[in-house]
Amino acid sequence: MHDYLICYDISDKKRLVKISKLLEKTAARIQYSIYFYPKVAKECIDDLVEKLNKLINQEEDDIRIYKIDIKNSIHLKSGIDLQNPFVI
């Protein structure tokens, strides 16, 4: 089980509301378009991705899901060290 950060940029208000309601059922909103989904099995994330893909417009919307290792980093293609973040 892992923690996940879910971020989105949805262009259509109706889709935005549907996606927001879906995420609010399982994840905690930490900012307007950012949710924290703690201690989730991979199967649950796979299910969520499937549901989100049915709601979004692939050409207009953007949803990103990042696996978080609280002790070390957010896992992107290369991790960011949260112990020594670079802040501008």
PDB file of N, CA and C in Angstrom:
ATOM      1  N   MET A   1       0.841  -1.183   0.000  1.00  0.00           N
ATOM      2  CA  MET A   1       0.000   0.000   0.000  1.00  0.00           C
ATOM      3  C   MET A   1       0.885   1.244   0.000  1.00  0.00           C
ATOM      4  N   HIS A   2       0.418   2.232  -0.735  1.00  0.00           N
ATOM      5  CA  HIS A   2       1.176   3.474  -0.873  1.00  0.00           C
ATOM      6  C   HIS A   2       0.248   4.668  -0.724  1.00  0.00           C
ATOM      7  N   ASP A   3       0.868   5.820  -0.554  1.00  0.00           N
ATOM      8  CA  ASP A   3       0.149   7.084  -0.560  1.00  0.00           C
ATOM      9  C   ASP A   3       0.281   7.693  -1.951  1.00  0.00           C
ATOM     10  N   TYR A   4      -0.748   8.425  -2.379  1.00  0.00           N
ATOM     11  CA  TYR A   4      -0.732   9.027  -3.706  1.00  0.00           C
ATOM     12  C   TYR A   4      -1.179  10.482  -3.633  1.00  0.00           C
ATOM     13  N   LEU A   5      -0.623  11.264  -4.532  1.00  0.00           N
ATOM     14  CA  LEU A   5      -1.023  12.639  -4.729  1.00  0.00           C
ATOM     15  C   LEU A   5      -1.684  12.705  -6.100  1.00  0.00           C
ATOM     16  N   ILE A   6      -2.906  13.230  -6.163  1.00  0.00           N
ATOM     17  CA  ILE A   6      -3.652  13.303  -7.412  1.00  0.00           C
ATOM     18  C   ILE A   6      -3.889  14.775  -7.740  1.00  0.00           C
ATOM     19  N   CYS A   7      -3.458  15.187  -8.918  1.00  0.00           N
ATOM     20  CA  CYS A   7      -3.588  16.581  -9.357  1.00  0.00           C
ATOM     21  C   CYS A   7      -4.318  16.603 -10.692  1.00  0.00           C
ATOM     22  N   TYR A   8      -5.111  17.632 -10.898  1.00  0.00           N
ATOM     23  CA  TYR A   8      -5.806  17.703 -12.172  1.00  0.00           C
ATOM     24  C   TYR A   8      -5.964  19.121 -12.673  1.00  0.00           C
ATOM     25  N   ASP A   9      -6.153  19.206 -13.978  1.00  0.00           N
ATOM     26  CA  ASP A   9      -6.502  20.446 -14.671  1.00  0.00           C
ATOM     27  C   ASP A   9      -7.573  20.055 -15.679  1.00  0.00           C
ATOM     28  N   ILE A  10      -8.811  20.371 -15.374  1.00  0.00           N
ATOM     29  CA  ILE A  10      -9.953  19.964 -16.187  1.00  0.00           C
ATOM     30  C   ILE A  10     -10.568  21.205 -16.817  1.00  0.00           C
ATOM     31  N   SER A  11     -10.755  21.184 -18.129  1.00  0.00           N
ATOM     32  CA  SER A  11     -11.195  22.377 -18.847  1.00  0.00           C
ATOM     33  C   SER A  11     -12.704  22.618 -18.817  1.00  0.00           C
ATOM     34  N   ASP A  12     -13.487  21.572 -18.643  1.00  0.00           N
ATOM     35  CA  ASP A  12     -14.945  21.691 -18.690  1.00  0.00           C
ATOM     36  C   ASP A  12     -15.531  21.620 -17.279  1.00  0.00           C
ATOM     37  N   LYS A  13     -16.384  22.577 -16.938  1.00  0.00           N
ATOM     38  CA  LYS A  13     -16.962  22.669 -15.589  1.00  0.00           C
ATOM     39  C   LYS A  13     -17.724  21.401 -15.180  1.00  0.00           C
ATOM     40  N   LYS A  14     -18.517  20.832 -16.101  1.00  0.00           N
ATOM     41  CA  LYS A  14     -19.289  19.628 -15.782  1.00  0.00           C
ATOM     42  C   LYS A  14     -18.365  18.451 -15.470  1.00  0.00           C
ATOM     43  N   ARG A  15     -17.327  18.268 -16.278  1.00  0.00           N
ATOM     44  CA  ARG A  15     -16.370  17.185 -16.019  1.00  0.00           C
ATOM     45  C   ARG A  15     -15.618  17.440 -14.713  1.00  0.00           C
ATOM     46  N   LEU A  16     -15.284  18.691 -14.472  1.00  0.00           N
ATOM     47  CA  LEU A  16     -14.585  19.063 -13.251  1.00  0.00           C
ATOM     48  C   LEU A  16     -15.380  18.663 -12.013  1.00  0.00           C
ATOM     49  N   VAL A  17     -16.664  18.951 -12.018  1.00  0.00           N
ATOM     50  CA  VAL A  17     -17.527  18.614 -10.882  1.00  0.00           C
ATOM     51  C   VAL A  17     -17.606  17.102 -10.696  1.00  0.00           C
ATOM     52  N   LYS A  18     -17.764  16.355 -11.785  1.00  0.00           N
ATOM     53  CA  LYS A  18     -17.843  14.892 -11.694  1.00  0.00           C
ATOM     54  C   LYS A  18     -16.553  14.300 -11.138  1.00  0.00           C
ATOM     55  N   ILE A  19     -15.429  14.789 -11.609  1.00  0.00           N
ATOM     56  CA  ILE A  19     -14.132  14.277 -11.159  1.00  0.00           C
ATOM     57  C   ILE A  19     -13.899  14.643  -9.699  1.00  0.00           C
ATOM     58  N   SER A  20     -14.230  15.855  -9.352  1.00  0.00           N
ATOM     59  CA  SER A  20     -14.079  16.299  -7.970  1.00  0.00           C
ATOM     60  C   SER A  20     -14.919  15.445  -7.017  1.00  0.00           C
ATOM     61  N   LYS A  21     -16.161  15.181  -7.388  1.00  0.00           N
ATOM     62  CA  LYS A  21     -17.039  14.352  -6.549  1.00  0.00           C
ATOM     63  C   LYS A  21     -16.502  12.924  -6.425  1.00  0.00           C
ATOM     64  N   LEU A  22     -15.987  12.388  -7.511  1.00  0.00           N
ATOM     65  CA  LEU A  22     -15.407  11.048  -7.474  1.00  0.00           C
ATOM     66  C   LEU A  22     -14.219  11.006  -6.511  1.00  0.00           C
ATOM     67  N   LEU A  23     -13.322  11.962  -6.632  1.00  0.00           N
ATOM     68  CA  LEU A  23     -12.133  11.968  -5.782  1.00  0.00           C
ATOM     69  C   LEU A  23     -12.465  12.231  -4.317  1.00  0.00           C
ATOM     70  N   GLU A  24     -13.453  13.066  -4.057  1.00  0.00           N
ATOM     71  CA  GLU A  24     -13.829  13.374  -2.678  1.00  0.00           C
ATOM     72  C   GLU A  24     -14.384  12.162  -1.938  1.00  0.00           C
ATOM     73  N   LYS A  25     -14.820  11.144  -2.660  1.00  0.00           N
ATOM     74  CA  LYS A  25     -15.320   9.920  -2.023  1.00  0.00           C
ATOM     75  C   LYS A  25     -14.202   9.129  -1.353  1.00  0.00           C
ATOM     76  N   THR A  26     -12.988   9.246  -1.875  1.00  0.00           N
ATOM     77  CA  THR A  26     -11.908   8.402  -1.377  1.00  0.00           C
ATOM     78  C   THR A  26     -10.667   9.149  -0.919  1.00  0.00           C
ATOM     79  N   ALA A  27     -10.479  10.367  -1.406  1.00  0.00           N
ATOM     80  CA  ALA A  27      -9.243  11.099  -1.122  1.00  0.00           C
ATOM     81  C   ALA A  27      -9.551  12.406  -0.398  1.00  0.00           C
ATOM     82  N   ALA A  28      -8.534  12.940   0.252  1.00  0.00           N
ATOM     83  CA  ALA A  28      -8.684  14.199   0.981  1.00  0.00           C
ATOM     84  C   ALA A  28      -8.203  15.354   0.108  1.00  0.00           C
ATOM     85  N   ARG A  29      -9.051  16.341  -0.060  1.00  0.00           N
ATOM     86  CA  ARG A  29      -8.655  17.519  -0.844  1.00  0.00           C
ATOM     87  C   ARG A  29      -7.683  18.342  -0.001  1.00  0.00           C
ATOM     88  N   ILE A  30      -6.530  18.656  -0.594  1.00  0.00           N
ATOM     89  CA  ILE A  30      -5.566  19.479   0.131  1.00  0.00           C
ATOM     90  C   ILE A  30      -5.399  20.857  -0.511  1.00  0.00           C
ATOM     91  N   GLN A  31      -5.807  20.988  -1.745  1.00  0.00           N
ATOM     92  CA  GLN A  31      -5.918  22.262  -2.435  1.00  0.00           C
ATOM     93  C   GLN A  31      -7.029  22.112  -3.456  1.00  0.00           C
ATOM     94  N   TYR A  32      -7.334  23.181  -4.168  1.00  0.00           N
ATOM     95  CA  TYR A  32      -8.463  23.155  -5.090  1.00  0.00           C
ATOM     96  C   TYR A  32      -8.430  21.972  -6.052  1.00  0.00           C
ATOM     97  N   SER A  33      -7.296  21.680  -6.638  1.00  0.00           N
ATOM     98  CA  SER A  33      -7.224  20.586  -7.614  1.00  0.00           C
ATOM     99  C   SER A  33      -6.174  19.543  -7.246  1.00  0.00           C
ATOM    100  N   ILE A  34      -5.923  19.398  -5.959  1.00  0.00           N
ATOM    101  CA  ILE A  34      -4.929  18.429  -5.481  1.00  0.00           C
ATOM    102  C   ILE A  34      -5.539  17.621  -4.339  1.00  0.00           C
ATOM    103  N   TYR A  35      -5.407  16.304  -4.459  1.00  0.00           N
ATOM    104  CA  TYR A  35      -5.949  15.391  -3.456  1.00  0.00           C
ATOM    105  C   TYR A  35      -4.859  14.469  -2.929  1.00  0.00           C
ATOM    106  N   PHE A  36      -5.001  14.079  -1.674  1.00  0.00           N
ATOM    107  CA  PHE A  36      -4.103  13.109  -1.057  1.00  0.00           C
ATOM    108  C   PHE A  36      -4.908  11.845  -0.805  1.00  0.00           C
ATOM    109  N   TYR A  37      -4.404  10.726  -1.312  1.00  0.00           N
ATOM    110  CA  TYR A  37      -5.088   9.435  -1.202  1.00  0.00           C
ATOM    111  C   TYR A  37      -4.151   8.500  -0.443  1.00  0.00           C
ATOM    112  N   PRO A  38      -4.347   8.345   0.869  1.00  0.00           N
ATOM    113  CA  PRO A  38      -3.402   7.589   1.694  1.00  0.00           C
ATOM    114  C   PRO A  38      -3.651   6.080   1.701  1.00  0.00           C
ATOM    115  N   LYS A  39      -2.569   5.352   1.846  1.00  0.00           N
ATOM    116  CA  LYS A  39      -2.576   3.904   2.075  1.00  0.00           C
ATOM    117  C   LYS A  39      -3.534   3.161   1.148  1.00  0.00           C
ATOM    118  N   VAL A  40      -3.201   3.201  -0.125  1.00  0.00           N
ATOM    119  CA  VAL A  40      -4.058   2.635  -1.157  1.00  0.00           C
ATOM    120  C   VAL A  40      -3.361   1.465  -1.840  1.00  0.00           C
ATOM    121  N   ALA A  41      -4.100   0.404  -2.066  1.00  0.00           N
ATOM    122  CA  ALA A  41      -3.584  -0.730  -2.824  1.00  0.00           C
ATOM    123  C   ALA A  41      -3.553  -0.373  -4.309  1.00  0.00           C
ATOM    124  N   LYS A  42      -2.623  -0.953  -5.027  1.00  0.00           N
ATOM    125  CA  LYS A  42      -2.475  -0.683  -6.466  1.00  0.00           C
ATOM    126  C   LYS A  42      -3.776  -0.959  -7.222  1.00  0.00           C
ATOM    127  N   GLU A  43      -4.497  -1.975  -6.819  1.00  0.00           N
ATOM    128  CA  GLU A  43      -5.759  -2.317  -7.481  1.00  0.00           C
ATOM    129  C   GLU A  43      -6.763  -1.170  -7.375  1.00  0.00           C
ATOM    130  N   CYS A  44      -6.781  -0.492  -6.234  1.00  0.00           N
ATOM    131  CA  CYS A  44      -7.707   0.643  -6.054  1.00  0.00           C
ATOM    132  C   CYS A  44      -7.316   1.810  -6.948  1.00  0.00           C
ATOM    133  N   ILE A  45      -6.013   2.045  -7.095  1.00  0.00           N
ATOM    134  CA  ILE A  45      -5.548   3.102  -7.997  1.00  0.00           C
ATOM    135  C   ILE A  45      -5.890   2.746  -9.435  1.00  0.00           C
ATOM    136  N   ASP A  46      -5.690   1.493  -9.799  1.00  0.00           N
ATOM    137  CA  ASP A  46      -6.039   1.052 -11.156  1.00  0.00           C
ATOM    138  C   ASP A  46      -7.527   1.264 -11.433  1.00  0.00           C
ATOM    139  N   ASP A  47      -8.358   0.960 -10.447  1.00  0.00           N
ATOM    140  CA  ASP A  47      -9.802   1.160 -10.577  1.00  0.00           C
ATOM    141  C   ASP A  47     -10.127   2.652 -10.715  1.00  0.00           C
ATOM    142  N   LEU A  48      -9.474   3.482  -9.911  1.00  0.00           N
ATOM    143  CA  LEU A  48      -9.690   4.925  -9.987  1.00  0.00           C
ATOM    144  C   LEU A  48      -9.274   5.471 -11.355  1.00  0.00           C
ATOM    145  N   VAL A  49      -8.136   5.028 -11.865  1.00  0.00           N
ATOM    146  CA  VAL A  49      -7.665   5.470 -13.184  1.00  0.00           C
ATOM    147  C   VAL A  49      -8.682   5.106 -14.257  1.00  0.00           C
ATOM    148  N   GLU A  50      -9.238   3.922 -14.169  1.00  0.00           N
ATOM    149  CA  GLU A  50     -10.247   3.495 -15.143  1.00  0.00           C
ATOM    150  C   GLU A  50     -11.478   4.407 -15.087  1.00  0.00           C
ATOM    151  N   LYS A  51     -11.928   4.730 -13.886  1.00  0.00           N
ATOM    152  CA  LYS A  51     -13.089   5.614 -13.730  1.00  0.00           C
ATOM    153  C   LYS A  51     -12.783   7.022 -14.239  1.00  0.00           C
ATOM    154  N   LEU A  52     -11.595   7.525 -13.912  1.00  0.00           N
ATOM    155  CA  LEU A  52     -11.222   8.866 -14.354  1.00  0.00           C
ATOM    156  C   LEU A  52     -11.113   8.939 -15.876  1.00  0.00           C
ATOM    157  N   ASN A  53     -10.556   7.902 -16.483  1.00  0.00           N
ATOM    158  CA  ASN A  53     -10.414   7.879 -17.940  1.00  0.00           C
ATOM    159  C   ASN A  53     -11.769   7.933 -18.650  1.00  0.00           C
ATOM    160  N   LYS A  54     -12.801   7.415 -18.008  1.00  0.00           N
ATOM    161  CA  LYS A  54     -14.138   7.463 -18.591  1.00  0.00           C
ATOM    162  C   LYS A  54     -14.749   8.860 -18.500  1.00  0.00           C
ATOM    163  N   LEU A  55     -14.254   9.668 -17.561  1.00  0.00           N
ATOM    164  CA  LEU A  55     -14.818  10.999 -17.344  1.00  0.00           C
ATOM    165  C   LEU A  55     -14.100  12.118 -18.095  1.00  0.00           C
ATOM    166  N   ILE A  56     -12.829  11.931 -18.388  1.00  0.00           N
ATOM    167  CA  ILE A  56     -12.055  13.041 -18.946  1.00  0.00           C
ATOM    168  C   ILE A  56     -12.080  13.065 -20.471  1.00  0.00           C
ATOM    169  N   ASN A  57     -11.736  14.211 -21.002  1.00  0.00           N
ATOM    170  CA  ASN A  57     -11.477  14.366 -22.423  1.00  0.00           C
ATOM    171  C   ASN A  57      -9.962  14.316 -22.565  1.00  0.00           C
ATOM    172  N   GLN A  58      -9.444  13.279 -23.194  1.00  0.00           N
ATOM    173  CA  GLN A  58      -7.994  13.049 -23.288  1.00  0.00           C
ATOM    174  C   GLN A  58      -7.249  14.215 -23.929  1.00  0.00           C
ATOM    175  N   GLU A  59      -7.904  14.950 -24.806  1.00  0.00           N
ATOM    176  CA  GLU A  59      -7.238  16.049 -25.514  1.00  0.00           C
ATOM    177  C   GLU A  59      -7.269  17.357 -24.745  1.00  0.00           C
ATOM    178  N   GLU A  60      -8.211  17.522 -23.813  1.00  0.00           N
ATOM    179  CA  GLU A  60      -8.374  18.794 -23.117  1.00  0.00           C
ATOM    180  C   GLU A  60      -7.984  18.758 -21.640  1.00  0.00           C
ATOM    181  N   ASP A  61      -8.057  17.602 -21.026  1.00  0.00           N
ATOM    182  CA  ASP A  61      -7.860  17.500 -19.577  1.00  0.00           C
ATOM    183  C   ASP A  61      -6.532  16.834 -19.234  1.00  0.00           C
ATOM    184  N   ASP A  62      -6.092  17.103 -18.013  1.00  0.00           N
ATOM    185  CA  ASP A  62      -4.846  16.516 -17.536  1.00  0.00           C
ATOM    186  C   ASP A  62      -5.038  16.075 -16.091  1.00  0.00           C
ATOM    187  N   ILE A  63      -4.808  14.799 -15.832  1.00  0.00           N
ATOM    188  CA  ILE A  63      -4.828  14.269 -14.469  1.00  0.00           C
ATOM    189  C   ILE A  63      -3.520  13.542 -14.259  1.00  0.00           C
ATOM    190  N   ARG A  64      -2.879  13.813 -13.119  1.00  0.00           N
ATOM    191  CA  ARG A  64      -1.615  13.158 -12.787  1.00  0.00           C
ATOM    192  C   ARG A  64      -1.725  12.534 -11.416  1.00  0.00           C
ATOM    193  N   ILE A  65      -1.210  11.318 -11.311  1.00  0.00           N
ATOM    194  CA  ILE A  65      -1.216  10.597 -10.042  1.00  0.00           C
ATOM    195  C   ILE A  65       0.226  10.243  -9.710  1.00  0.00           C
ATOM    196  N   TYR A  66       0.668  10.720  -8.555  1.00  0.00           N
ATOM    197  CA  TYR A  66       2.047  10.495  -8.124  1.00  0.00           C
ATOM    198  C   TYR A  66       2.064   9.606  -6.888  1.00  0.00           C
ATOM    199  N   LYS A  67       2.870   8.562  -6.948  1.00  0.00           N
ATOM    200  CA  LYS A  67       3.067   7.719  -5.780  1.00  0.00           C
ATOM    201  C   LYS A  67       4.039   8.433  -4.845  1.00  0.00           C
ATOM    202  N   ILE A  68       3.696   8.484  -3.572  1.00  0.00           N
ATOM    203  CA  ILE A  68       4.518   9.208  -2.603  1.00  0.00           C
ATOM    204  C   ILE A  68       5.131   8.225  -1.616  1.00  0.00           C
ATOM    205  N   ASP A  69       6.419   8.386  -1.404  1.00  0.00           N
ATOM    206  CA  ASP A  69       7.126   7.683  -0.334  1.00  0.00           C
ATOM    207  C   ASP A  69       7.455   8.772   0.680  1.00  0.00           C
ATOM    208  N   ILE A  70       6.650   8.856   1.717  1.00  0.00           N
ATOM    209  CA  ILE A  70       6.757   9.943   2.685  1.00  0.00           C
ATOM    210  C   ILE A  70       8.177  10.069   3.238  1.00  0.00           C
ATOM    211  N   LYS A  71       8.860   8.970   3.400  1.00  0.00           N
ATOM    212  CA  LYS A  71      10.208   9.003   3.977  1.00  0.00           C
ATOM    213  C   LYS A  71      11.243   9.579   3.017  1.00  0.00           C
ATOM    214  N   ASN A  72      11.025   9.436   1.727  1.00  0.00           N
ATOM    215  CA  ASN A  72      12.065   9.804   0.779  1.00  0.00           C
ATOM    216  C   ASN A  72      11.670  10.832  -0.261  1.00  0.00           C
ATOM    217  N   SER A  73      10.658  10.521  -1.082  1.00  0.00           N
ATOM    218  CA  SER A  73      10.390  11.409  -2.202  1.00  0.00           C
ATOM    219  C   SER A  73       9.044  11.130  -2.843  1.00  0.00           C
ATOM    220  N   ILE A  74       8.693  12.016  -3.766  1.00  0.00           N
ATOM    221  CA  ILE A  74       7.566  11.768  -4.663  1.00  0.00           C
ATOM    222  C   ILE A  74       8.161  11.083  -5.872  1.00  0.00           C
ATOM    223  N   HIS A  75       7.567   9.979  -6.298  1.00  0.00           N
ATOM    224  CA  HIS A  75       8.137   9.207  -7.390  1.00  0.00           C
ATOM    225  C   HIS A  75       7.639   9.701  -8.744  1.00  0.00           C
ATOM    226  N   LEU A  76       8.499  10.401  -9.434  1.00  0.00           N
ATOM    227  CA  LEU A  76       8.250  10.781 -10.809  1.00  0.00           C
ATOM    228  C   LEU A  76       9.233   9.942 -11.610  1.00  0.00           C
ATOM    229  N   LYS A  77       9.558  10.321 -12.811  1.00  0.00           N
ATOM    230  CA  LYS A  77      10.592   9.561 -13.515  1.00  0.00           C
ATOM    231  C   LYS A  77      11.906   9.684 -12.778  1.00  0.00           C
ATOM    232  N   SER A  78      12.127  10.818 -12.150  1.00  0.00           N
ATOM    233  CA  SER A  78      13.230  10.946 -11.202  1.00  0.00           C
ATOM    234  C   SER A  78      12.636  11.582  -9.959  1.00  0.00           C
ATOM    235  N   GLY A  79      12.987  11.067  -8.813  1.00  0.00           N
ATOM    236  CA  GLY A  79      12.383  11.525  -7.573  1.00  0.00           C
ATOM    237  C   GLY A  79      12.862  12.896  -7.153  1.00  0.00           C
ATOM    238  N   ILE A  80      12.053  13.549  -6.337  1.00  0.00           N
ATOM    239  CA  ILE A  80      12.428  14.807  -5.717  1.00  0.00           C
ATOM    240  C   ILE A  80      12.677  14.506  -4.255  1.00  0.00           C
ATOM    241  N   ASP A  81      13.821  14.883  -3.762  1.00  0.00           N
ATOM    242  CA  ASP A  81      14.163  14.639  -2.366  1.00  0.00           C
ATOM    243  C   ASP A  81      13.430  15.638  -1.494  1.00  0.00           C
ATOM    244  N   LEU A  82      12.415  15.182  -0.773  1.00  0.00           N
ATOM    245  CA  LEU A  82      11.649  16.094   0.063  1.00  0.00           C
ATOM    246  C   LEU A  82      12.395  16.492   1.325  1.00  0.00           C
ATOM    247  N   GLN A  83      13.481  15.787   1.645  1.00  0.00           N
ATOM    248  CA  GLN A  83      14.289  16.160   2.789  1.00  0.00           C
ATOM    249  C   GLN A  83      15.104  17.416   2.496  1.00  0.00           C
ATOM    250  N   ASN A  84      15.446  17.628   1.225  1.00  0.00           N
ATOM    251  CA  ASN A  84      16.238  18.793   0.801  1.00  0.00           C
ATOM    252  C   ASN A  84      15.599  19.418  -0.436  1.00  0.00           C
ATOM    253  N   PRO A  85      14.381  19.958  -0.312  1.00  0.00           N
ATOM    254  CA  PRO A  85      13.714  20.498  -1.493  1.00  0.00           C
ATOM    255  C   PRO A  85      14.386  21.777  -1.994  1.00  0.00           C
ATOM    256  N   PHE A  86      14.251  22.001  -3.277  1.00  0.00           N
ATOM    257  CA  PHE A  86      14.741  23.223  -3.903  1.00  0.00           C
ATOM    258  C   PHE A  86      13.527  24.134  -4.061  1.00  0.00           C
ATOM    259  N   VAL A  87      13.536  25.263  -3.405  1.00  0.00           N
ATOM    260  CA  VAL A  87      12.413  26.182  -3.448  1.00  0.00           C
ATOM    261  C   VAL A  87      12.876  27.514  -4.017  1.00  0.00           C
ATOM    262  N   ILE A  88      12.123  28.042  -4.975  1.00  0.00           N
ATOM    263  CA  ILE A  88      12.459  29.351  -5.572  1.00  0.00           C
ATOM    264  C   ILE A  88      11.729  30.426  -4.803  1.00  0.00           C
TER     265      ILE A  88
END
